[in-house]
């Protein structure tokens, strides 16, 4: 159940809440993989196809633009390879 304090547009920034939301998103995407694959397989014939492509593109952009340590090829470093305090 969502409360007003948990509303993403009204609540103050909270990294623990953000991580919790991210974990729920990952599980939701994992559980929806068969349905998402069906939409992608149907292509433009599916009414959700274009919206799915847009949102996947938005997610891709967000992840790629996170200010995290990366190796020379642009891949995120494993947490054990990152020095404390960046």
Protein backbone atom coordinates (compact mmCIF):
# COMPACT_ATOMS: atom_id res chain seq x y z
CA UNK A 1 0.00 0.00 0.00
CA UNK A 2 1.34 3.39 -0.96
CA UNK A 3 1.16 6.32 1.38
CA UNK A 4 1.48 10.01 0.62
CA UNK A 5 5.02 9.97 2.12
CA UNK A 6 5.94 7.26 -0.40
CA UNK A 7 4.73 9.23 -3.44
CA UNK A 8 7.76 9.76 -5.69
CA UNK A 9 6.82 13.35 -6.58
CA UNK A 10 6.13 14.52 -3.04
CA UNK A 11 8.50 12.65 -0.75
CA UNK A 12 11.97 13.97 0.06
CA UNK A 13 14.86 12.03 -1.50
CA UNK A 14 15.54 8.82 0.40
CA UNK A 15 18.19 6.44 -0.97
CA UNK A 16 16.82 3.46 0.97
CA UNK A 17 13.36 4.01 -0.47
CA UNK A 18 14.88 4.34 -3.94
CA UNK A 19 16.71 1.02 -3.54
CA UNK A 20 13.49 -0.62 -2.35
CA UNK A 21 11.61 0.72 -5.39
CA UNK A 22 14.40 -0.43 -7.69
CA UNK A 23 14.29 -3.94 -6.21
CA UNK A 24 10.51 -4.08 -6.77
CA UNK A 25 10.99 -2.87 -10.35
CA UNK A 26 13.60 -5.54 -11.07
CA UNK A 27 11.31 -8.28 -9.73
CA UNK A 28 8.34 -6.88 -11.66
CA UNK A 29 10.38 -6.89 -14.88
CA UNK A 30 11.65 -10.40 -14.17
CA UNK A 31 8.10 -11.66 -13.62
CA UNK A 32 6.84 -9.86 -16.73
CA UNK A 33 9.55 -11.18 -19.08
CA UNK A 34 7.24 -13.65 -20.86
CA UNK A 35 4.61 -10.95 -21.43
CA UNK A 36 7.20 -8.39 -22.52
CA UNK A 37 8.68 -10.93 -24.94
CA UNK A 38 5.20 -11.54 -26.38
CA UNK A 39 4.73 -7.81 -26.98
CA UNK A 40 8.16 -7.49 -28.60
CA UNK A 41 7.56 -10.59 -30.74
CA UNK A 42 4.24 -9.17 -31.97
CA UNK A 43 5.98 -5.94 -32.91
CA UNK A 44 3.96 -2.97 -34.08
CA UNK A 45 0.88 -5.19 -34.28
CA UNK A 46 0.64 -5.13 -30.48
CA UNK A 47 -1.01 -2.01 -29.01
CA UNK A 48 1.62 -1.78 -26.22
CA UNK A 49 4.65 -2.18 -28.50
CA UNK A 50 5.58 1.48 -28.99
CA UNK A 51 5.01 2.37 -25.34
CA UNK A 52 7.15 -0.58 -24.27
CA UNK A 53 9.98 0.50 -26.57
CA UNK A 54 9.79 4.06 -25.24
CA UNK A 55 9.89 2.97 -21.59
CA UNK A 56 12.69 0.46 -22.18
CA UNK A 57 14.63 3.24 -23.91
CA UNK A 58 14.01 5.55 -20.96
CA UNK A 59 15.22 2.86 -18.55
CA UNK A 60 18.30 2.22 -20.70
CA UNK A 61 19.12 5.94 -20.80
CA UNK A 62 18.70 6.29 -17.03
CA UNK A 63 20.96 3.34 -16.27
CA UNK A 64 23.64 4.43 -18.76
CA UNK A 65 23.74 7.98 -17.39
CA UNK A 66 24.07 7.09 -13.71
CA UNK A 67 27.26 8.68 -12.35
CA UNK A 68 28.94 5.44 -11.35
CA UNK A 69 32.56 4.33 -11.74
CA UNK A 70 33.14 2.65 -15.10
CA UNK A 71 35.99 0.87 -16.81
CA UNK A 72 37.54 2.30 -20.01
CA UNK A 73 34.96 0.46 -22.15
CA UNK A 74 32.08 2.12 -20.26
CA UNK A 75 30.92 -0.93 -18.32
CA UNK A 76 30.16 -0.36 -14.62
CA UNK A 77 32.91 -1.50 -12.29
CA UNK A 78 32.15 -4.32 -9.87
CA UNK A 79 31.70 -2.95 -6.32
CA UNK A 80 34.88 -4.75 -5.17
CA UNK A 81 36.86 -2.79 -7.79
CA UNK A 82 35.68 0.62 -6.56
CA UNK A 83 37.77 2.39 -3.95
CA UNK A 84 35.96 3.71 -0.89
CA UNK A 85 34.65 7.23 -1.32
CA UNK A 86 34.96 6.78 -5.11
